[in-house]
Amino acid sequence: MDVIDGGFTAPVFDAQTVFRAVMDAMARPGTIQPVAARAQPPAPLSATAGAVALTLCDHDAPLWLDTGLQASAARSWLAFHSGAPLAATAADAHFALVANPATLIAFENFAQGTQEYPDRSTTLILQVESLTAGEPLQLKGPGIETTATIAPTPLPRHFVEQWKQNGARFPRGVDVILAAPDAVACLPRTTSIKTMEA
């Protein structure tokens, strides 16, 4: 596949549409916001994760790729369509794109921001197969009236434990965008997560 193909056909409109879905999902954690396939990146990058990356990443936002993406045509596709430079290390990344969350390195390896500039942290874009077929997680926090439930799969190892540690670093810490085949959901660092007891 040619890396020149598969970008947004209407860049301004497509980016605005995806940006609105991501912002709505970030403002209301646990809600599932539909995202139509607006980009066609090379495998293993999914259409939704690719569209989110094209919307958020630019030449000022270093991007970290997991090993599957590093070794694929998706790397050149992202460079061509977003202009985002590759981050030398996870700690240098503004965004991290993860095709295989199950093998993701620990959250603490990414930029955490500082007390003065907590926004200088990495936002993780995790490619998931589903937002409803995994183990149910109960969410609480700002933007959630009482509780919300989401069941993404696959997730990084020890996800709930890692997320607790992430919350303990507040206002520092990472935020997560879950990119499913036709929708996104977001987990800002202010959200607390626990597994649902059977």
N, C-alpha and C. Protein backbone atom coordinates (compact mmCIF):
# COMPACT_ATOMS: atom_id res chain seq x y z
N MET A 1 0.85 -1.20 0.00
CA MET A 1 0.00 0.00 0.00
C MET A 1 0.89 1.25 0.00
N ASP A 2 0.51 2.21 -0.80
CA ASP A 2 1.26 3.45 -0.90
C ASP A 2 0.98 4.33 0.32
N VAL A 3 2.03 4.83 0.97
CA VAL A 3 1.83 5.64 2.18
C VAL A 3 1.14 6.97 1.87
N ILE A 4 1.10 7.35 0.60
CA ILE A 4 0.46 8.62 0.24
C ILE A 4 -1.06 8.49 0.29
N ASP A 5 -1.57 7.27 0.12
CA ASP A 5 -3.01 7.04 0.12
C ASP A 5 -3.54 6.85 1.54
N GLY A 6 -4.85 6.97 1.68
CA GLY A 6 -5.50 6.60 2.92
C GLY A 6 -5.61 7.68 3.97
N GLY A 7 -5.18 8.92 3.65
CA GLY A 7 -5.36 10.02 4.60
C GLY A 7 -6.79 10.55 4.56
N PHE A 8 -7.04 11.63 5.29
CA PHE A 8 -8.36 12.25 5.27
C PHE A 8 -8.67 12.74 3.86
N THR A 9 -9.90 12.50 3.38
CA THR A 9 -10.29 13.03 2.06
C THR A 9 -10.69 14.50 2.17
N ALA A 10 -11.29 14.87 3.31
CA ALA A 10 -11.65 16.28 3.57
C ALA A 10 -10.96 16.66 4.88
N PRO A 11 -9.65 17.00 4.82
CA PRO A 11 -8.84 17.11 6.05
C PRO A 11 -9.45 17.99 7.15
N VAL A 12 -9.93 19.17 6.80
CA VAL A 12 -10.44 20.07 7.85
C VAL A 12 -11.72 19.50 8.48
N PHE A 13 -12.65 19.09 7.63
CA PHE A 13 -13.92 18.55 8.13
C PHE A 13 -13.69 17.26 8.92
N ASP A 14 -12.88 16.35 8.35
CA ASP A 14 -12.64 15.06 9.02
C ASP A 14 -11.96 15.26 10.37
N ALA A 15 -10.95 16.12 10.41
CA ALA A 15 -10.23 16.36 11.67
C ALA A 15 -11.16 16.99 12.71
N GLN A 16 -12.02 17.93 12.28
CA GLN A 16 -12.96 18.57 13.22
C GLN A 16 -13.93 17.53 13.79
N THR A 17 -14.42 16.64 12.93
CA THR A 17 -15.38 15.63 13.36
C THR A 17 -14.76 14.68 14.37
N VAL A 18 -13.56 14.20 14.08
CA VAL A 18 -12.87 13.28 15.00
C VAL A 18 -12.49 14.00 16.29
N PHE A 19 -12.02 15.25 16.18
CA PHE A 19 -11.64 16.03 17.35
C PHE A 19 -12.84 16.20 18.29
N ARG A 20 -14.00 16.50 17.71
CA ARG A 20 -15.21 16.68 18.53
C ARG A 20 -15.56 15.39 19.27
N ALA A 21 -15.44 14.24 18.58
CA ALA A 21 -15.74 12.95 19.23
C ALA A 21 -14.78 12.69 20.38
N VAL A 22 -13.48 12.96 20.16
CA VAL A 22 -12.48 12.74 21.22
C VAL A 22 -12.72 13.68 22.40
N MET A 23 -13.01 14.96 22.12
CA MET A 23 -13.25 15.92 23.20
C MET A 23 -14.50 15.56 24.00
N ASP A 24 -15.56 15.13 23.31
CA ASP A 24 -16.78 14.70 24.02
C ASP A 24 -16.49 13.49 24.90
N ALA A 25 -15.70 12.55 24.36
CA ALA A 25 -15.36 11.34 25.13
C ALA A 25 -14.48 11.69 26.33
N MET A 26 -13.59 12.67 26.17
CA MET A 26 -12.70 13.08 27.27
C MET A 26 -13.49 13.82 28.35
N ALA A 27 -14.48 14.62 27.92
CA ALA A 27 -15.29 15.38 28.88
C ALA A 27 -16.25 14.48 29.65
N ARG A 28 -16.65 13.37 29.02
CA ARG A 28 -17.59 12.45 29.66
C ARG A 28 -17.01 11.03 29.63
N PRO A 29 -16.08 10.76 30.54
CA PRO A 29 -15.40 9.46 30.53
C PRO A 29 -16.40 8.30 30.60
N GLY A 30 -16.11 7.27 29.83
CA GLY A 30 -16.98 6.09 29.83
C GLY A 30 -18.04 6.12 28.76
N THR A 31 -18.27 7.31 28.15
CA THR A 31 -19.23 7.35 27.05
C THR A 31 -18.52 6.90 25.78
N ILE A 32 -19.28 6.25 24.91
CA ILE A 32 -18.73 5.75 23.65
C ILE A 32 -19.19 6.68 22.54
N GLN A 33 -18.23 7.32 21.88
CA GLN A 33 -18.52 8.29 20.83
C GLN A 33 -18.22 7.68 19.47
N PRO A 34 -19.24 7.59 18.58
CA PRO A 34 -19.00 6.97 17.28
C PRO A 34 -18.02 7.77 16.43
N VAL A 35 -17.18 7.07 15.71
CA VAL A 35 -16.25 7.68 14.75
C VAL A 35 -16.31 6.87 13.47
N ALA A 36 -16.79 7.47 12.40
CA ALA A 36 -16.83 6.77 11.11
C ALA A 36 -15.41 6.64 10.57
N ALA A 37 -15.19 5.65 9.73
CA ALA A 37 -13.86 5.42 9.14
C ALA A 37 -13.53 6.56 8.17
N ARG A 38 -12.68 7.47 8.61
CA ARG A 38 -12.32 8.63 7.78
C ARG A 38 -10.90 8.52 7.23
N ALA A 39 -10.16 7.54 7.71
CA ALA A 39 -8.79 7.32 7.22
C ALA A 39 -8.62 5.83 6.96
N GLN A 40 -7.71 5.49 6.08
CA GLN A 40 -7.43 4.08 5.76
C GLN A 40 -5.93 3.83 5.88
N PRO A 41 -5.42 3.74 7.11
CA PRO A 41 -3.98 3.54 7.28
C PRO A 41 -3.59 2.08 7.00
N PRO A 42 -2.30 1.86 6.75
CA PRO A 42 -1.84 0.48 6.58
C PRO A 42 -1.88 -0.29 7.90
N ALA A 43 -2.08 -1.60 7.80
CA ALA A 43 -2.06 -2.47 8.99
C ALA A 43 -0.65 -2.42 9.62
N PRO A 44 -0.57 -2.60 10.95
CA PRO A 44 -1.64 -2.96 11.88
C PRO A 44 -2.38 -1.76 12.47
N LEU A 45 -2.20 -0.58 11.94
CA LEU A 45 -2.89 0.60 12.47
C LEU A 45 -4.35 0.57 12.03
N SER A 46 -5.27 0.73 12.98
CA SER A 46 -6.70 0.68 12.65
C SER A 46 -7.16 2.03 12.10
N ALA A 47 -8.30 2.01 11.43
CA ALA A 47 -8.85 3.24 10.84
C ALA A 47 -9.13 4.29 11.92
N THR A 48 -9.70 3.86 13.05
CA THR A 48 -10.04 4.82 14.11
C THR A 48 -8.78 5.39 14.75
N ALA A 49 -7.84 4.52 15.12
CA ALA A 49 -6.60 5.00 15.75
C ALA A 49 -5.84 5.90 14.78
N GLY A 50 -5.85 5.55 13.50
CA GLY A 50 -5.19 6.38 12.49
C GLY A 50 -5.83 7.75 12.38
N ALA A 51 -7.17 7.78 12.40
CA ALA A 51 -7.89 9.06 12.32
C ALA A 51 -7.62 9.93 13.54
N VAL A 52 -7.57 9.32 14.73
CA VAL A 52 -7.27 10.06 15.96
C VAL A 52 -5.85 10.63 15.88
N ALA A 53 -4.91 9.81 15.41
CA ALA A 53 -3.52 10.27 15.29
C ALA A 53 -3.41 11.44 14.31
N LEU A 54 -4.08 11.34 13.16
CA LEU A 54 -4.02 12.44 12.18
C LEU A 54 -4.65 13.72 12.74
N THR A 55 -5.65 13.56 13.60
CA THR A 55 -6.35 14.71 14.18
C THR A 55 -5.50 15.41 15.23
N LEU A 56 -4.80 14.64 16.07
CA LEU A 56 -4.10 15.21 17.23
C LEU A 56 -2.62 15.48 17.00
N CYS A 57 -1.99 14.74 16.10
CA CYS A 57 -0.53 14.82 15.95
C CYS A 57 -0.14 15.76 14.83
N ASP A 58 0.92 16.53 15.08
CA ASP A 58 1.47 17.40 14.03
C ASP A 58 2.98 17.51 14.24
N HIS A 59 3.62 18.39 13.47
CA HIS A 59 5.08 18.47 13.51
C HIS A 59 5.63 18.93 14.87
N ASP A 60 4.75 19.45 15.75
CA ASP A 60 5.20 19.88 17.08
C ASP A 60 4.96 18.81 18.15
N ALA A 61 4.41 17.67 17.75
CA ALA A 61 3.99 16.67 18.74
C ALA A 61 4.69 15.33 18.49
N PRO A 62 5.83 15.10 19.16
CA PRO A 62 6.54 13.83 18.97
C PRO A 62 5.65 12.63 19.30
N LEU A 63 5.75 11.62 18.44
CA LEU A 63 4.88 10.45 18.51
C LEU A 63 5.72 9.21 18.80
N TRP A 64 5.26 8.41 19.77
CA TRP A 64 5.91 7.13 20.09
C TRP A 64 5.05 6.01 19.52
N LEU A 65 5.69 5.03 18.89
CA LEU A 65 4.96 3.90 18.30
C LEU A 65 5.40 2.61 18.98
N ASP A 66 4.44 1.70 19.22
CA ASP A 66 4.85 0.40 19.77
C ASP A 66 5.57 -0.41 18.68
N THR A 67 6.16 -1.53 19.06
CA THR A 67 7.06 -2.24 18.14
C THR A 67 6.35 -2.68 16.86
N GLY A 68 5.09 -3.11 16.96
CA GLY A 68 4.35 -3.53 15.77
C GLY A 68 4.20 -2.41 14.76
N LEU A 69 3.94 -1.21 15.25
CA LEU A 69 3.78 -0.05 14.35
C LEU A 69 5.12 0.44 13.84
N GLN A 70 6.14 0.39 14.69
CA GLN A 70 7.50 0.82 14.30
C GLN A 70 7.96 0.07 13.06
N ALA A 71 7.63 -1.24 13.02
CA ALA A 71 8.15 -2.12 11.97
C ALA A 71 7.23 -2.19 10.75
N SER A 72 6.20 -1.33 10.70
CA SER A 72 5.22 -1.44 9.63
C SER A 72 5.20 -0.18 8.74
N ALA A 73 4.44 -0.26 7.66
CA ALA A 73 4.28 0.89 6.77
C ALA A 73 3.52 2.03 7.45
N ALA A 74 2.86 1.72 8.57
CA ALA A 74 2.12 2.75 9.30
C ALA A 74 3.05 3.88 9.75
N ARG A 75 4.29 3.52 10.04
CA ARG A 75 5.28 4.54 10.49
C ARG A 75 5.46 5.63 9.41
N SER A 76 5.67 5.22 8.16
CA SER A 76 5.84 6.19 7.07
C SER A 76 4.53 6.91 6.76
N TRP A 77 3.42 6.18 6.88
CA TRP A 77 2.10 6.77 6.62
C TRP A 77 1.83 7.91 7.60
N LEU A 78 2.11 7.67 8.89
CA LEU A 78 1.91 8.69 9.92
C LEU A 78 2.82 9.89 9.69
N ALA A 79 4.08 9.62 9.34
CA ALA A 79 5.02 10.71 9.09
C ALA A 79 4.54 11.57 7.92
N PHE A 80 4.06 10.92 6.86
CA PHE A 80 3.62 11.65 5.68
C PHE A 80 2.35 12.47 5.95
N HIS A 81 1.37 11.85 6.60
CA HIS A 81 0.06 12.49 6.74
C HIS A 81 -0.04 13.44 7.94
N SER A 82 0.78 13.21 8.99
CA SER A 82 0.66 14.07 10.18
C SER A 82 1.86 15.01 10.33
N GLY A 83 3.01 14.62 9.77
CA GLY A 83 4.22 15.41 9.95
C GLY A 83 4.84 15.26 11.32
N ALA A 84 4.25 14.38 12.16
CA ALA A 84 4.75 14.23 13.54
C ALA A 84 6.09 13.51 13.55
N PRO A 85 7.09 14.07 14.26
CA PRO A 85 8.37 13.37 14.38
C PRO A 85 8.24 12.19 15.34
N LEU A 86 9.07 11.19 15.16
CA LEU A 86 9.07 10.06 16.10
C LEU A 86 9.82 10.46 17.36
N ALA A 87 9.24 10.15 18.51
CA ALA A 87 9.90 10.43 19.79
C ALA A 87 11.06 9.46 19.98
N ALA A 88 12.17 9.96 20.49
CA ALA A 88 13.35 9.11 20.73
C ALA A 88 13.05 8.08 21.81
N THR A 89 12.33 8.50 22.85
CA THR A 89 11.94 7.59 23.93
C THR A 89 10.48 7.85 24.28
N ALA A 90 9.90 6.93 25.05
CA ALA A 90 8.51 7.09 25.49
C ALA A 90 8.33 8.38 26.30
N ALA A 91 9.37 8.74 27.07
CA ALA A 91 9.29 9.92 27.92
C ALA A 91 9.31 11.23 27.12
N ASP A 92 9.69 11.17 25.84
CA ASP A 92 9.71 12.37 25.00
C ASP A 92 8.41 12.56 24.22
N ALA A 93 7.51 11.59 24.30
CA ALA A 93 6.34 11.59 23.42
C ALA A 93 5.19 12.45 23.95
N HIS A 94 4.57 13.21 23.05
CA HIS A 94 3.31 13.89 23.38
C HIS A 94 2.16 12.90 23.23
N PHE A 95 2.29 12.02 22.22
CA PHE A 95 1.29 10.99 21.98
C PHE A 95 1.99 9.66 21.79
N ALA A 96 1.33 8.58 22.23
CA ALA A 96 1.84 7.22 22.01
C ALA A 96 0.75 6.42 21.32
N LEU A 97 1.11 5.78 20.23
CA LEU A 97 0.15 5.01 19.45
C LEU A 97 0.47 3.54 19.66
N VAL A 98 -0.54 2.80 20.12
CA VAL A 98 -0.30 1.43 20.56
C VAL A 98 -1.26 0.48 19.84
N ALA A 99 -0.71 -0.35 18.94
CA ALA A 99 -1.54 -1.30 18.19
C ALA A 99 -1.84 -2.54 19.02
N ASN A 100 -0.94 -2.87 19.94
CA ASN A 100 -1.12 -4.08 20.76
C ASN A 100 -1.02 -3.74 22.24
N PRO A 101 -2.12 -3.29 22.86
CA PRO A 101 -2.07 -2.85 24.26
C PRO A 101 -1.58 -3.92 25.23
N ALA A 102 -1.81 -5.20 24.91
CA ALA A 102 -1.44 -6.27 25.83
C ALA A 102 0.07 -6.31 26.10
N THR A 103 0.88 -5.78 25.19
CA THR A 103 2.33 -5.81 25.37
C THR A 103 2.91 -4.43 25.71
N LEU A 104 2.05 -3.49 26.08
CA LEU A 104 2.51 -2.11 26.32
C LEU A 104 3.43 -2.02 27.53
N ILE A 105 4.47 -1.19 27.40
CA ILE A 105 5.36 -0.90 28.54
C ILE A 105 4.56 -0.15 29.62
N ALA A 106 5.11 -0.09 30.82
CA ALA A 106 4.39 0.53 31.95
C ALA A 106 4.14 2.02 31.71
N PHE A 107 3.01 2.50 32.22
CA PHE A 107 2.62 3.90 32.04
C PHE A 107 3.69 4.87 32.54
N GLU A 108 4.41 4.47 33.60
CA GLU A 108 5.37 5.39 34.21
C GLU A 108 6.54 5.71 33.28
N ASN A 109 6.72 4.91 32.21
CA ASN A 109 7.79 5.18 31.24
C ASN A 109 7.49 6.38 30.35
N PHE A 110 6.23 6.79 30.29
CA PHE A 110 5.84 7.91 29.42
C PHE A 110 5.96 9.24 30.18
N ALA A 111 5.95 10.33 29.42
CA ALA A 111 6.02 11.66 30.03
C ALA A 111 4.84 11.82 30.98
N GLN A 112 5.13 12.28 32.20
CA GLN A 112 4.10 12.43 33.23
C GLN A 112 3.67 13.89 33.42
N GLY A 113 4.36 14.82 32.75
CA GLY A 113 4.12 16.23 33.03
C GLY A 113 4.80 16.61 34.33
N THR A 114 4.66 17.87 34.72
CA THR A 114 5.23 18.34 35.98
C THR A 114 4.11 18.94 36.82
N GLN A 115 4.38 19.22 38.07
CA GLN A 115 3.36 19.85 38.93
C GLN A 115 2.91 21.17 38.30
N GLU A 116 3.87 21.93 37.75
CA GLU A 116 3.54 23.23 37.15
C GLU A 116 2.89 23.07 35.77
N TYR A 117 3.33 22.07 35.02
CA TYR A 117 2.81 21.86 33.65
C TYR A 117 2.35 20.41 33.49
N PRO A 118 1.23 20.06 34.15
CA PRO A 118 0.77 18.67 34.07
C PRO A 118 0.34 18.26 32.65
N ASP A 119 0.09 19.26 31.79
CA ASP A 119 -0.31 18.95 30.41
C ASP A 119 0.87 18.48 29.56
N ARG A 120 2.09 18.58 30.07
CA ARG A 120 3.25 18.10 29.31
C ARG A 120 3.45 16.61 29.53
N SER A 121 2.39 15.87 29.37
CA SER A 121 2.43 14.42 29.58
C SER A 121 2.03 13.74 28.28
N THR A 122 2.18 12.42 28.25
CA THR A 122 1.83 11.65 27.06
C THR A 122 0.36 11.25 27.10
N THR A 123 -0.32 11.40 25.97
CA THR A 123 -1.65 10.84 25.80
C THR A 123 -1.49 9.53 25.03
N LEU A 124 -1.98 8.44 25.61
CA LEU A 124 -1.85 7.13 24.99
C LEU A 124 -3.08 6.84 24.14
N ILE A 125 -2.86 6.47 22.89
CA ILE A 125 -3.95 6.07 22.00
C ILE A 125 -3.86 4.56 21.86
N LEU A 126 -4.76 3.85 22.54
CA LEU A 126 -4.72 2.39 22.55
C LEU A 126 -5.74 1.84 21.55
N GLN A 127 -5.27 1.01 20.65
CA GLN A 127 -6.14 0.37 19.69
C GLN A 127 -6.80 -0.82 20.38
N VAL A 128 -8.12 -0.84 20.48
CA VAL A 128 -8.82 -1.96 21.11
C VAL A 128 -9.78 -2.59 20.11
N GLU A 129 -10.09 -3.86 20.35
CA GLU A 129 -11.01 -4.57 19.45
C GLU A 129 -12.45 -4.22 19.77
N SER A 130 -12.72 -3.92 21.05
CA SER A 130 -14.09 -3.64 21.47
C SER A 130 -14.07 -2.78 22.73
N LEU A 131 -15.14 -1.99 22.91
CA LEU A 131 -15.31 -1.20 24.14
C LEU A 131 -16.35 -1.84 25.05
N THR A 132 -16.91 -2.98 24.63
CA THR A 132 -18.01 -3.61 25.38
C THR A 132 -17.81 -5.10 25.65
N ALA A 133 -16.79 -5.72 25.06
CA ALA A 133 -16.65 -7.18 25.15
C ALA A 133 -15.64 -7.64 26.19
N GLY A 134 -14.96 -6.70 26.87
CA GLY A 134 -13.94 -7.08 27.85
C GLY A 134 -14.51 -7.19 29.26
N GLU A 135 -13.60 -7.18 30.23
CA GLU A 135 -14.03 -7.20 31.64
C GLU A 135 -14.62 -5.84 31.99
N PRO A 136 -15.83 -5.81 32.57
CA PRO A 136 -16.44 -4.51 32.88
C PRO A 136 -15.64 -3.73 33.94
N LEU A 137 -15.45 -2.45 33.67
CA LEU A 137 -14.75 -1.56 34.59
C LEU A 137 -15.72 -0.47 35.03
N GLN A 138 -15.72 -0.17 36.31
CA GLN A 138 -16.57 0.90 36.82
C GLN A 138 -15.75 2.18 36.94
N LEU A 139 -16.27 3.25 36.37
CA LEU A 139 -15.57 4.54 36.36
C LEU A 139 -16.29 5.54 37.26
N LYS A 140 -15.50 6.37 37.95
CA LYS A 140 -16.03 7.48 38.75
C LYS A 140 -15.11 8.67 38.55
N GLY A 141 -15.66 9.87 38.74
CA GLY A 141 -14.81 11.05 38.66
C GLY A 141 -15.50 12.18 37.91
N PRO A 142 -14.77 13.27 37.66
CA PRO A 142 -15.32 14.43 36.96
C PRO A 142 -15.90 14.04 35.59
N GLY A 143 -17.07 14.59 35.27
CA GLY A 143 -17.71 14.30 33.99
C GLY A 143 -18.61 13.09 34.02
N ILE A 144 -18.64 12.38 35.18
CA ILE A 144 -19.49 11.20 35.34
C ILE A 144 -20.48 11.49 36.46
N GLU A 145 -21.78 11.37 36.16
CA GLU A 145 -22.79 11.77 37.15
C GLU A 145 -22.68 10.92 38.42
N THR A 146 -22.78 9.62 38.29
CA THR A 146 -22.59 8.73 39.45
C THR A 146 -21.47 7.76 39.13
N THR A 147 -21.78 6.75 38.31
CA THR A 147 -20.73 5.85 37.81
C THR A 147 -21.00 5.58 36.33
N ALA A 148 -19.98 5.13 35.64
CA ALA A 148 -20.11 4.70 34.25
C ALA A 148 -19.43 3.35 34.14
N THR A 149 -19.83 2.57 33.16
CA THR A 149 -19.21 1.26 32.95
C THR A 149 -18.72 1.16 31.51
N ILE A 150 -17.54 0.58 31.37
CA ILE A 150 -16.95 0.37 30.06
C ILE A 150 -16.22 -0.97 30.12
N ALA A 151 -16.11 -1.67 29.00
CA ALA A 151 -15.49 -3.00 29.02
C ALA A 151 -14.56 -3.18 27.82
N PRO A 152 -13.48 -2.37 27.75
CA PRO A 152 -12.58 -2.46 26.60
C PRO A 152 -11.70 -3.71 26.62
N THR A 153 -11.36 -4.17 25.45
CA THR A 153 -10.43 -5.29 25.31
C THR A 153 -9.71 -5.19 23.97
N PRO A 154 -8.40 -5.52 23.91
CA PRO A 154 -7.52 -5.91 25.02
C PRO A 154 -6.98 -4.66 25.74
N LEU A 155 -6.53 -4.86 26.98
CA LEU A 155 -5.94 -3.78 27.76
C LEU A 155 -4.51 -4.15 28.17
N PRO A 156 -3.70 -3.15 28.54
CA PRO A 156 -2.35 -3.45 29.03
C PRO A 156 -2.40 -4.36 30.27
N ARG A 157 -1.33 -5.10 30.48
CA ARG A 157 -1.23 -5.95 31.67
C ARG A 157 -1.38 -5.10 32.93
N HIS A 158 -2.06 -5.67 33.93
CA HIS A 158 -2.24 -5.01 35.24
C HIS A 158 -2.82 -3.61 35.06
N PHE A 159 -3.75 -3.47 34.14
CA PHE A 159 -4.25 -2.14 33.78
C PHE A 159 -4.83 -1.39 34.98
N VAL A 160 -5.69 -2.04 35.75
CA VAL A 160 -6.36 -1.34 36.86
C VAL A 160 -5.33 -0.90 37.91
N GLU A 161 -4.35 -1.76 38.18
CA GLU A 161 -3.31 -1.41 39.15
C GLU A 161 -2.46 -0.24 38.62
N GLN A 162 -2.09 -0.31 37.35
CA GLN A 162 -1.32 0.78 36.75
C GLN A 162 -2.11 2.08 36.79
N TRP A 163 -3.42 1.97 36.57
CA TRP A 163 -4.26 3.18 36.55
C TRP A 163 -4.35 3.80 37.95
N LYS A 164 -4.38 2.95 38.99
CA LYS A 164 -4.37 3.47 40.37
C LYS A 164 -3.10 4.27 40.62
N GLN A 165 -1.97 3.70 40.19
CA GLN A 165 -0.68 4.40 40.36
C GLN A 165 -0.67 5.70 39.56
N ASN A 166 -1.27 5.68 38.38
CA ASN A 166 -1.37 6.87 37.54
C ASN A 166 -2.15 7.96 38.28
N GLY A 167 -3.27 7.56 38.89
CA GLY A 167 -4.10 8.51 39.64
C GLY A 167 -3.38 9.10 40.83
N ALA A 168 -2.50 8.29 41.44
CA ALA A 168 -1.76 8.76 42.62
C ALA A 168 -0.74 9.84 42.26
N ARG A 169 -0.38 9.94 40.98
CA ARG A 169 0.59 10.96 40.55
C ARG A 169 -0.10 12.30 40.23
N PHE A 170 -1.43 12.36 40.32
CA PHE A 170 -2.17 13.57 39.95
C PHE A 170 -1.59 14.81 40.67
N PRO A 171 -1.45 15.98 39.99
CA PRO A 171 -1.98 16.31 38.66
C PRO A 171 -1.16 15.77 37.50
N ARG A 172 -0.02 15.09 37.80
CA ARG A 172 0.76 14.48 36.74
C ARG A 172 0.08 13.18 36.32
N GLY A 173 0.57 12.57 35.24
CA GLY A 173 0.02 11.29 34.81
C GLY A 173 -0.37 11.31 33.35
N VAL A 174 -0.69 10.13 32.82
CA VAL A 174 -1.08 10.00 31.42
C VAL A 174 -2.60 9.98 31.29
N ASP A 175 -3.09 10.32 30.10
CA ASP A 175 -4.50 10.16 29.74
C ASP A 175 -4.57 9.11 28.64
N VAL A 176 -5.71 8.45 28.53
CA VAL A 176 -5.85 7.35 27.56
C VAL A 176 -7.04 7.58 26.65
N ILE A 177 -6.81 7.38 25.35
CA ILE A 177 -7.89 7.35 24.35
C ILE A 177 -7.98 5.91 23.86
N LEU A 178 -9.15 5.32 23.99
CA LEU A 178 -9.39 3.95 23.50
C LEU A 178 -10.03 4.04 22.13
N ALA A 179 -9.35 3.50 21.12
CA ALA A 179 -9.82 3.58 19.74
C ALA A 179 -10.32 2.20 19.29
N ALA A 180 -11.64 2.04 19.27
CA ALA A 180 -12.26 0.80 18.82
C ALA A 180 -12.53 0.90 17.32
N PRO A 181 -12.99 -0.18 16.66
CA PRO A 181 -13.18 -0.12 15.21
C PRO A 181 -14.09 1.01 14.71
N ASP A 182 -15.09 1.42 15.49
CA ASP A 182 -16.00 2.46 14.98
C ASP A 182 -16.35 3.51 16.03
N ALA A 183 -15.53 3.60 17.07
CA ALA A 183 -15.85 4.54 18.16
C ALA A 183 -14.62 4.79 19.02
N VAL A 184 -14.72 5.84 19.85
CA VAL A 184 -13.68 6.12 20.84
C VAL A 184 -14.31 6.28 22.21
N ALA A 185 -13.51 6.01 23.23
CA ALA A 185 -13.86 6.32 24.62
C ALA A 185 -12.57 6.82 25.26
N CYS A 186 -12.69 7.66 26.28
CA CYS A 186 -11.49 8.25 26.88
C CYS A 186 -11.46 8.03 28.39
N LEU A 187 -10.24 7.93 28.89
CA LEU A 187 -9.99 7.81 30.33
C LEU A 187 -9.00 8.90 30.73
N PRO A 188 -9.51 10.09 31.11
CA PRO A 188 -8.60 11.11 31.62
C PRO A 188 -8.04 10.68 32.97
N ARG A 189 -6.91 11.23 33.35
CA ARG A 189 -6.23 10.81 34.60
C ARG A 189 -7.07 11.08 35.84
N THR A 190 -8.10 11.94 35.74
CA THR A 190 -8.96 12.24 36.89
C THR A 190 -9.99 11.15 37.16
N THR A 191 -10.10 10.18 36.26
CA THR A 191 -11.10 9.11 36.40
C THR A 191 -10.54 7.99 37.26
N SER A 192 -11.33 7.53 38.23
CA SER A 192 -10.91 6.35 39.00
C SER A 192 -11.61 5.13 38.42
N ILE A 193 -10.89 4.01 38.41
CA ILE A 193 -11.37 2.79 37.77
C ILE A 193 -11.27 1.66 38.76
N LYS A 194 -12.33 0.82 38.82
CA LYS A 194 -12.20 -0.43 39.55
C LYS A 194 -12.92 -1.53 38.79
N THR A 195 -12.47 -2.75 39.01
CA THR A 195 -13.13 -3.87 38.34
C THR A 195 -14.46 -4.11 39.01
N MET A 196 -15.43 -4.57 38.23
CA MET A 196 -16.76 -4.84 38.76
C MET A 196 -16.72 -6.21 39.42
N GLU A 197 -17.14 -6.27 40.67
CA GLU A 197 -17.16 -7.59 41.37
C GLU A 197 -18.31 -8.40 40.80
N ALA A 198 -18.01 -9.66 40.54
CA ALA A 198 -19.05 -10.55 39.97
C ALA A 198 -20.12 -10.82 41.01
